[in-house]
Amino acid sequence: MNLNELRKEIDDIDDQMMELFKKRMVISKNIGKVKKAMGLPVFDPSREQVLLEKREIAFNDDTLWPMYKRFLITLFDLSKEWQHHE
C-alpha cells in the first residue's frame, strides 16, 4: 500500500469513529437525564473502573493498552462533561 491509500483508510476509520462518537454522546446525554431524574451523581467511579477492567481484558494488547486506556478515560470525561451540559 502507498501513503495515499493508507491515509484513505485512516480517513475512513475516522469517519466511522466520528459517527460512533456522536451516537455515544446522545446516549450519554440520555443517561445523564435518567441519573438526574433518579437523583444520582453523574460520576460513578466504580462503573468506570469496571469498564476499564473489562476493556483491558478484551483489548488483549499490553503494548497498546495504555494508550487505549487514556482514550477511554478522555471519552469518559467528555461524556460526564456532556451530561452536565444543558
PDB file of N, CA and C in Angstrom:
ATOM      1  N   MET A   1       0.839  -1.187   0.000  1.00  0.00           N
ATOM      2  CA  MET A   1       0.000   0.000   0.000  1.00  0.00           C
ATOM      3  C   MET A   1       0.880   1.245   0.000  1.00  0.00           C
ATOM      4  N   ASN A   2       0.387   2.267  -0.660  1.00  0.00           N
ATOM      5  CA  ASN A   2       1.131   3.521  -0.655  1.00  0.00           C
ATOM      6  C   ASN A   2       0.562   4.476   0.400  1.00  0.00           C
ATOM      7  N   LEU A   3       1.211   5.596   0.572  1.00  0.00           N
ATOM      8  CA  LEU A   3       0.835   6.554   1.610  1.00  0.00           C
ATOM      9  C   LEU A   3      -0.594   7.060   1.440  1.00  0.00           C
ATOM     10  N   ASN A   4      -0.986   7.370   0.239  1.00  0.00           N
ATOM     11  CA  ASN A   4      -2.341   7.871  -0.001  1.00  0.00           C
ATOM     12  C   ASN A   4      -3.404   6.831   0.330  1.00  0.00           C
ATOM     13  N   GLU A   5      -3.140   5.583   0.019  1.00  0.00           N
ATOM     14  CA  GLU A   5      -4.088   4.509   0.339  1.00  0.00           C
ATOM     15  C   GLU A   5      -4.204   4.337   1.852  1.00  0.00           C
ATOM     16  N   LEU A   6      -3.084   4.389   2.530  1.00  0.00           N
ATOM     17  CA  LEU A   6      -3.105   4.268   3.993  1.00  0.00           C
ATOM     18  C   LEU A   6      -3.850   5.444   4.631  1.00  0.00           C
ATOM     19  N   ARG A   7      -3.611   6.633   4.119  1.00  0.00           N
ATOM     20  CA  ARG A   7      -4.321   7.800   4.643  1.00  0.00           C
ATOM     21  C   ARG A   7      -5.820   7.709   4.395  1.00  0.00           C
ATOM     22  N   LYS A   8      -6.200   7.163   3.267  1.00  0.00           N
ATOM     23  CA  LYS A   8      -7.622   6.960   2.958  1.00  0.00           C
ATOM     24  C   LYS A   8      -8.237   6.004   3.974  1.00  0.00           C
ATOM     25  N   GLU A   9      -7.523   4.966   4.320  1.00  0.00           N
ATOM     26  CA  GLU A   9      -8.019   4.028   5.335  1.00  0.00           C
ATOM     27  C   GLU A   9      -8.216   4.728   6.672  1.00  0.00           C
ATOM     28  N   ILE A  10      -7.240   5.543   7.056  1.00  0.00           N
ATOM     29  CA  ILE A  10      -7.356   6.298   8.315  1.00  0.00           C
ATOM     30  C   ILE A  10      -8.556   7.243   8.254  1.00  0.00           C
ATOM     31  N   ASP A  11      -8.732   7.930   7.127  1.00  0.00           N
ATOM     32  CA  ASP A  11      -9.875   8.835   6.964  1.00  0.00           C
ATOM     33  C   ASP A  11     -11.196   8.083   7.115  1.00  0.00           C
ATOM     34  N   ASP A  12     -11.281   6.903   6.528  1.00  0.00           N
ATOM     35  CA  ASP A  12     -12.494   6.086   6.639  1.00  0.00           C
ATOM     36  C   ASP A  12     -12.752   5.676   8.090  1.00  0.00           C
ATOM     37  N   ILE A  13     -11.715   5.277   8.778  1.00  0.00           N
ATOM     38  CA  ILE A  13     -11.851   4.900  10.184  1.00  0.00           C
ATOM     39  C   ILE A  13     -12.282   6.110  11.009  1.00  0.00           C
ATOM     40  N   ASP A  14     -11.668   7.263  10.743  1.00  0.00           N
ATOM     41  CA  ASP A  14     -12.045   8.483  11.468  1.00  0.00           C
ATOM     42  C   ASP A  14     -13.504   8.848  11.235  1.00  0.00           C
ATOM     43  N   ASP A  15     -13.991   8.659  10.018  1.00  0.00           N
ATOM     44  CA  ASP A  15     -15.406   8.913   9.726  1.00  0.00           C
ATOM     45  C   ASP A  15     -16.307   7.998  10.552  1.00  0.00           C
ATOM     46  N   GLN A  16     -15.939   6.729  10.622  1.00  0.00           N
ATOM     47  CA  GLN A  16     -16.715   5.775  11.411  1.00  0.00           C
ATOM     48  C   GLN A  16     -16.680   6.135  12.895  1.00  0.00           C
ATOM     49  N   MET A  17     -15.497   6.493  13.377  1.00  0.00           N
ATOM     50  CA  MET A  17     -15.358   6.856  14.789  1.00  0.00           C
ATOM     51  C   MET A  17     -16.170   8.113  15.115  1.00  0.00           C
ATOM     52  N   MET A  18     -16.213   9.054  14.183  1.00  0.00           N
ATOM     53  CA  MET A  18     -16.990  10.273  14.391  1.00  0.00           C
ATOM     54  C   MET A  18     -18.476   9.941  14.572  1.00  0.00           C
ATOM     55  N   GLU A  19     -18.994   9.087  13.718  1.00  0.00           N
ATOM     56  CA  GLU A  19     -20.405   8.704  13.819  1.00  0.00           C
ATOM     57  C   GLU A  19     -20.679   7.950  15.121  1.00  0.00           C
ATOM     58  N   LEU A  20     -19.780   7.059  15.482  1.00  0.00           N
ATOM     59  CA  LEU A  20     -19.947   6.326  16.740  1.00  0.00           C
ATOM     60  C   LEU A  20     -19.851   7.251  17.952  1.00  0.00           C
ATOM     61  N   PHE A  21     -18.953   8.234  17.881  1.00  0.00           N
ATOM     62  CA  PHE A  21     -18.827   9.206  18.961  1.00  0.00           C
ATOM     63  C   PHE A  21     -20.130   9.978  19.133  1.00  0.00           C
ATOM     64  N   LYS A  22     -20.699  10.441  18.035  1.00  0.00           N
ATOM     65  CA  LYS A  22     -21.958  11.186  18.122  1.00  0.00           C
ATOM     66  C   LYS A  22     -23.068  10.319  18.730  1.00  0.00           C
ATOM     67  N   LYS A  23     -23.161   9.072  18.312  1.00  0.00           N
ATOM     68  CA  LYS A  23     -24.159   8.161  18.870  1.00  0.00           C
ATOM     69  C   LYS A  23     -23.933   7.969  20.371  1.00  0.00           C
ATOM     70  N   ARG A  24     -22.665   7.790  20.744  1.00  0.00           N
ATOM     71  CA  ARG A  24     -22.342   7.563  22.150  1.00  0.00           C
ATOM     72  C   ARG A  24     -22.715   8.777  22.998  1.00  0.00           C
ATOM     73  N   MET A  25     -22.469   9.975  22.470  1.00  0.00           N
ATOM     74  CA  MET A  25     -22.764  11.179  23.236  1.00  0.00           C
ATOM     75  C   MET A  25     -24.267  11.402  23.391  1.00  0.00           C
ATOM     76  N   VAL A  26     -25.061  11.036  22.394  1.00  0.00           N
ATOM     77  CA  VAL A  26     -26.518  11.110  22.524  1.00  0.00           C
ATOM     78  C   VAL A  26     -26.976  10.188  23.651  1.00  0.00           C
ATOM     79  N   ILE A  27     -26.464   8.972  23.657  1.00  0.00           N
ATOM     80  CA  ILE A  27     -26.839   8.021  24.710  1.00  0.00           C
ATOM     81  C   ILE A  27     -26.344   8.512  26.062  1.00  0.00           C
ATOM     82  N   SER A  28     -25.138   9.054  26.093  1.00  0.00           N
ATOM     83  CA  SER A  28     -24.585   9.591  27.331  1.00  0.00           C
ATOM     84  C   SER A  28     -25.474  10.698  27.889  1.00  0.00           C
ATOM     85  N   LYS A  29     -25.954  11.579  27.014  1.00  0.00           N
ATOM     86  CA  LYS A  29     -26.847  12.664  27.441  1.00  0.00           C
ATOM     87  C   LYS A  29     -28.121  12.084  28.049  1.00  0.00           C
ATOM     88  N   ASN A  30     -28.661  11.042  27.424  1.00  0.00           N
ATOM     89  CA  ASN A  30     -29.865  10.394  27.953  1.00  0.00           C
ATOM     90  C   ASN A  30     -29.596   9.747  29.302  1.00  0.00           C
ATOM     91  N   ILE A  31     -28.429   9.148  29.455  1.00  0.00           N
ATOM     92  CA  ILE A  31     -28.062   8.569  30.749  1.00  0.00           C
ATOM     93  C   ILE A  31     -28.020   9.670  31.803  1.00  0.00           C
ATOM     94  N   GLY A  32     -27.452  10.829  31.447  1.00  0.00           N
ATOM     95  CA  GLY A  32     -27.402  11.951  32.372  1.00  0.00           C
ATOM     96  C   GLY A  32     -28.785  12.393  32.806  1.00  0.00           C
ATOM     97  N   LYS A  33     -29.732  12.427  31.884  1.00  0.00           N
ATOM     98  CA  LYS A  33     -31.113  12.802  32.210  1.00  0.00           C
ATOM     99  C   LYS A  33     -31.740  11.797  33.176  1.00  0.00           C
ATOM    100  N   VAL A  34     -31.514  10.520  32.922  1.00  0.00           N
ATOM    101  CA  VAL A  34     -32.055   9.476  33.800  1.00  0.00           C
ATOM    102  C   VAL A  34     -31.429   9.580  35.187  1.00  0.00           C
ATOM    103  N   LYS A  35     -30.112   9.765  35.239  1.00  0.00           N
ATOM    104  CA  LYS A  35     -29.434   9.914  36.529  1.00  0.00           C
ATOM    105  C   LYS A  35     -29.988  11.105  37.302  1.00  0.00           C
ATOM    106  N   LYS A  36     -30.184  12.222  36.607  1.00  0.00           N
ATOM    107  CA  LYS A  36     -30.703  13.420  37.255  1.00  0.00           C
ATOM    108  C   LYS A  36     -32.094  13.158  37.824  1.00  0.00           C
ATOM    109  N   ALA A  37     -32.947  12.509  37.035  1.00  0.00           N
ATOM    110  CA  ALA A  37     -34.306  12.190  37.482  1.00  0.00           C
ATOM    111  C   ALA A  37     -34.292  11.265  38.698  1.00  0.00           C
ATOM    112  N   MET A  38     -33.271  10.407  38.775  1.00  0.00           N
ATOM    113  CA  MET A  38     -33.169   9.464  39.896  1.00  0.00           C
ATOM    114  C   MET A  38     -32.374  10.043  41.064  1.00  0.00           C
ATOM    115  N   GLY A  39     -31.863  11.251  40.897  1.00  0.00           N
ATOM    116  CA  GLY A  39     -31.073  11.870  41.952  1.00  0.00           C
ATOM    117  C   GLY A  39     -29.689  11.259  42.113  1.00  0.00           C
ATOM    118  N   LEU A  40     -29.167  10.695  41.029  1.00  0.00           N
ATOM    119  CA  LEU A  40     -27.852  10.057  41.067  1.00  0.00           C
ATOM    120  C   LEU A  40     -26.786  11.017  40.539  1.00  0.00           C
ATOM    121  N   PRO A  41     -25.569  10.892  41.036  1.00  0.00           N
ATOM    122  CA  PRO A  41     -24.500  11.738  40.511  1.00  0.00           C
ATOM    123  C   PRO A  41     -24.086  11.280  39.112  1.00  0.00           C
ATOM    124  N   VAL A  42     -23.547  12.210  38.346  1.00  0.00           N
ATOM    125  CA  VAL A  42     -23.057  11.889  37.011  1.00  0.00           C
ATOM    126  C   VAL A  42     -21.872  10.933  37.105  1.00  0.00           C
ATOM    127  N   PHE A  43     -20.955  11.210  38.021  1.00  0.00           N
ATOM    128  CA  PHE A  43     -19.727  10.422  38.125  1.00  0.00           C
ATOM    129  C   PHE A  43     -19.945   9.191  38.997  1.00  0.00           C
ATOM    130  N   ASP A  44     -19.663   8.035  38.432  1.00  0.00           N
ATOM    131  CA  ASP A  44     -19.742   6.755  39.140  1.00  0.00           C
ATOM    132  C   ASP A  44     -18.390   6.065  38.981  1.00  0.00           C
ATOM    133  N   PRO A  45     -17.467   6.319  39.937  1.00  0.00           N
ATOM    134  CA  PRO A  45     -16.108   5.775  39.781  1.00  0.00           C
ATOM    135  C   PRO A  45     -16.062   4.256  39.694  1.00  0.00           C
ATOM    136  N   SER A  46     -16.953   3.574  40.406  1.00  0.00           N
ATOM    137  CA  SER A  46     -16.926   2.103  40.348  1.00  0.00           C
ATOM    138  C   SER A  46     -17.322   1.613  38.955  1.00  0.00           C
ATOM    139  N   ARG A  47     -18.266   2.283  38.309  1.00  0.00           N
ATOM    140  CA  ARG A  47     -18.674   1.913  36.946  1.00  0.00           C
ATOM    141  C   ARG A  47     -17.509   2.102  35.974  1.00  0.00           C
ATOM    142  N   GLU A  48     -16.812   3.224  36.100  1.00  0.00           N
ATOM    143  CA  GLU A  48     -15.677   3.468  35.216  1.00  0.00           C
ATOM    144  C   GLU A  48     -14.588   2.424  35.426  1.00  0.00           C
ATOM    145  N   GLN A  49     -14.337   2.073  36.660  1.00  0.00           N
ATOM    146  CA  GLN A  49     -13.307   1.068  36.954  1.00  0.00           C
ATOM    147  C   GLN A  49     -13.673  -0.288  36.341  1.00  0.00           C
ATOM    148  N   VAL A  50     -14.935  -0.667  36.488  1.00  0.00           N
ATOM    149  CA  VAL A  50     -15.398  -1.931  35.906  1.00  0.00           C
ATOM    150  C   VAL A  50     -15.241  -1.902  34.382  1.00  0.00           C
ATOM    151  N   LEU A  51     -15.599  -0.787  33.770  1.00  0.00           N
ATOM    152  CA  LEU A  51     -15.464  -0.677  32.314  1.00  0.00           C
ATOM    153  C   LEU A  51     -14.012  -0.774  31.881  1.00  0.00           C
ATOM    154  N   LEU A  52     -13.116  -0.098  32.611  1.00  0.00           N
ATOM    155  CA  LEU A  52     -11.695  -0.175  32.263  1.00  0.00           C
ATOM    156  C   LEU A  52     -11.158  -1.593  32.399  1.00  0.00           C
ATOM    157  N   GLU A  53     -11.526  -2.269  33.470  1.00  0.00           N
ATOM    158  CA  GLU A  53     -11.066  -3.651  33.669  1.00  0.00           C
ATOM    159  C   GLU A  53     -11.602  -4.565  32.572  1.00  0.00           C
ATOM    160  N   LYS A  54     -12.865  -4.406  32.243  1.00  0.00           N
ATOM    161  CA  LYS A  54     -13.483  -5.220  31.190  1.00  0.00           C
ATOM    162  C   LYS A  54     -12.797  -4.992  29.841  1.00  0.00           C
ATOM    163  N   ARG A  55     -12.558  -3.717  29.524  1.00  0.00           N
ATOM    164  CA  ARG A  55     -11.913  -3.392  28.254  1.00  0.00           C
ATOM    165  C   ARG A  55     -10.464  -3.867  28.207  1.00  0.00           C
ATOM    166  N   GLU A  56      -9.777  -3.795  29.328  1.00  0.00           N
ATOM    167  CA  GLU A  56      -8.382  -4.248  29.348  1.00  0.00           C
ATOM    168  C   GLU A  56      -8.293  -5.729  29.016  1.00  0.00           C
ATOM    169  N   ILE A  57      -9.190  -6.512  29.581  1.00  0.00           N
ATOM    170  CA  ILE A  57      -9.207  -7.953  29.292  1.00  0.00           C
ATOM    171  C   ILE A  57      -9.533  -8.194  27.822  1.00  0.00           C
ATOM    172  N   ALA A  58     -10.533  -7.483  27.313  1.00  0.00           N
ATOM    173  CA  ALA A  58     -10.951  -7.671  25.927  1.00  0.00           C
ATOM    174  C   ALA A  58      -9.908  -7.142  24.946  1.00  0.00           C
ATOM    175  N   PHE A  59      -9.195  -6.084  25.325  1.00  0.00           N
ATOM    176  CA  PHE A  59      -8.236  -5.443  24.427  1.00  0.00           C
ATOM    177  C   PHE A  59      -7.089  -6.380  24.084  1.00  0.00           C
ATOM    178  N   ASN A  60      -6.574  -7.051  25.100  1.00  0.00           N
ATOM    179  CA  ASN A  60      -5.591  -8.113  24.887  1.00  0.00           C
ATOM    180  C   ASN A  60      -4.360  -7.660  24.082  1.00  0.00           C
ATOM    181  N   ASP A  61      -3.852  -6.469  24.389  1.00  0.00           N
ATOM    182  CA  ASP A  61      -2.630  -5.984  23.746  1.00  0.00           C
ATOM    183  C   ASP A  61      -1.920  -5.078  24.747  1.00  0.00           C
ATOM    184  N   ASP A  62      -0.944  -5.639  25.446  1.00  0.00           N
ATOM    185  CA  ASP A  62      -0.262  -4.897  26.507  1.00  0.00           C
ATOM    186  C   ASP A  62       0.483  -3.673  25.996  1.00  0.00           C
ATOM    187  N   THR A  63       0.899  -3.701  24.751  1.00  0.00           N
ATOM    188  CA  THR A  63       1.649  -2.585  24.205  1.00  0.00           C
ATOM    189  C   THR A  63       0.755  -1.375  23.957  1.00  0.00           C
ATOM    190  N   LEU A  64      -0.415  -1.598  23.388  1.00  0.00           N
ATOM    191  CA  LEU A  64      -1.330  -0.503  23.058  1.00  0.00           C
ATOM    192  C   LEU A  64      -2.298  -0.149  24.183  1.00  0.00           C
ATOM    193  N   TRP A  65      -2.472  -1.041  25.154  1.00  0.00           N
ATOM    194  CA  TRP A  65      -3.459  -0.810  26.201  1.00  0.00           C
ATOM    195  C   TRP A  65      -3.299   0.547  26.896  1.00  0.00           C
ATOM    196  N   PRO A  66      -2.100   0.977  27.300  1.00  0.00           N
ATOM    197  CA  PRO A  66      -2.012   2.273  27.992  1.00  0.00           C
ATOM    198  C   PRO A  66      -2.573   3.432  27.169  1.00  0.00           C
ATOM    199  N   MET A  67      -2.370   3.414  25.865  1.00  0.00           N
ATOM    200  CA  MET A  67      -2.912   4.481  25.018  1.00  0.00           C
ATOM    201  C   MET A  67      -4.430   4.367  24.892  1.00  0.00           C
ATOM    202  N   TYR A  68      -4.916   3.141  24.749  1.00  0.00           N
ATOM    203  CA  TYR A  68      -6.368   2.965  24.645  1.00  0.00           C
ATOM    204  C   TYR A  68      -7.035   3.333  25.963  1.00  0.00           C
ATOM    205  N   LYS A  69      -6.386   3.030  27.060  1.00  0.00           N
ATOM    206  CA  LYS A  69      -6.925   3.407  28.373  1.00  0.00           C
ATOM    207  C   LYS A  69      -7.050   4.931  28.464  1.00  0.00           C
ATOM    208  N   ARG A  70      -6.037   5.654  28.019  1.00  0.00           N
ATOM    209  CA  ARG A  70      -6.104   7.122  28.005  1.00  0.00           C
ATOM    210  C   ARG A  70      -7.253   7.606  27.122  1.00  0.00           C
ATOM    211  N   PHE A  71      -7.426   6.952  25.987  1.00  0.00           N
ATOM    212  CA  PHE A  71      -8.534   7.277  25.088  1.00  0.00           C
ATOM    213  C   PHE A  71      -9.872   7.102  25.809  1.00  0.00           C
ATOM    214  N   LEU A  72     -10.031   5.975  26.498  1.00  0.00           N
ATOM    215  CA  LEU A  72     -11.279   5.711  27.214  1.00  0.00           C
ATOM    216  C   LEU A  72     -11.519   6.721  28.324  1.00  0.00           C
ATOM    217  N   ILE A  73     -10.488   7.028  29.087  1.00  0.00           N
ATOM    218  CA  ILE A  73     -10.636   7.981  30.185  1.00  0.00           C
ATOM    219  C   ILE A  73     -11.033   9.353  29.640  1.00  0.00           C
ATOM    220  N   THR A  74     -10.442   9.750  28.536  1.00  0.00           N
ATOM    221  CA  THR A  74     -10.830  11.012  27.897  1.00  0.00           C
ATOM    222  C   THR A  74     -12.283  10.948  27.452  1.00  0.00           C
ATOM    223  N   LEU A  75     -12.687   9.833  26.882  1.00  0.00           N
ATOM    224  CA  LEU A  75     -14.064   9.652  26.452  1.00  0.00           C
ATOM    225  C   LEU A  75     -15.016   9.719  27.640  1.00  0.00           C
ATOM    226  N   PHE A  76     -14.657   9.081  28.742  1.00  0.00           N
ATOM    227  CA  PHE A  76     -15.472   9.145  29.962  1.00  0.00           C
ATOM    228  C   PHE A  76     -15.608  10.598  30.427  1.00  0.00           C
ATOM    229  N   ASP A  77     -14.500  11.329  30.419  1.00  0.00           N
ATOM    230  CA  ASP A  77     -14.516  12.725  30.865  1.00  0.00           C
ATOM    231  C   ASP A  77     -15.409  13.578  29.960  1.00  0.00           C
ATOM    232  N   LEU A  78     -15.321  13.373  28.668  1.00  0.00           N
ATOM    233  CA  LEU A  78     -16.171  14.112  27.735  1.00  0.00           C
ATOM    234  C   LEU A  78     -17.648  13.765  27.939  1.00  0.00           C
ATOM    235  N   SER A  79     -17.922  12.509  28.209  1.00  0.00           N
ATOM    236  CA  SER A  79     -19.304  12.083  28.452  1.00  0.00           C
ATOM    237  C   SER A  79     -19.866  12.734  29.713  1.00  0.00           C
ATOM    238  N   LYS A  80     -19.055  12.768  30.762  1.00  0.00           N
ATOM    239  CA  LYS A  80     -19.501  13.420  32.004  1.00  0.00           C
ATOM    240  C   LYS A  80     -19.740  14.906  31.777  1.00  0.00           C
ATOM    241  N   GLU A  81     -18.836  15.538  31.046  1.00  0.00           N
ATOM    242  CA  GLU A  81     -18.990  16.956  30.730  1.00  0.00           C
ATOM    243  C   GLU A  81     -20.287  17.192  29.956  1.00  0.00           C
ATOM    244  N   TRP A  82     -20.569  16.341  28.996  1.00  0.00           N
ATOM    245  CA  TRP A  82     -21.767  16.465  28.172  1.00  0.00           C
ATOM    246  C   TRP A  82     -23.031  16.233  29.004  1.00  0.00           C
ATOM    247  N   GLN A  83     -22.957  15.318  29.971  1.00  0.00           N
ATOM    248  CA  GLN A  83     -24.104  15.063  30.832  1.00  0.00           C
ATOM    249  C   GLN A  83     -24.426  16.288  31.692  1.00  0.00           C
ATOM    250  N   HIS A  84     -23.422  17.065  32.050  1.00  0.00           N
ATOM    251  CA  HIS A  84     -23.618  18.277  32.845  1.00  0.00           C
ATOM    252  C   HIS A  84     -24.110  19.447  31.985  1.00  0.00           C
ATOM    253  N   HIS A  85     -23.854  19.365  30.695  1.00  0.00           N
ATOM    254  CA  HIS A  85     -24.185  20.453  29.777  1.00  0.00           C
ATOM    255  C   HIS A  85     -25.694  20.473  29.524  1.00  0.00           C
ATOM    256  N   GLU A  86     -26.287  21.618  29.677  1.00  0.00           N
ATOM    257  CA  GLU A  86     -27.748  21.713  29.457  1.00  0.00           C
ATOM    258  C   GLU A  86     -28.044  22.055  28.037  1.00  0.00           C
TER     259      GLU A  86
END
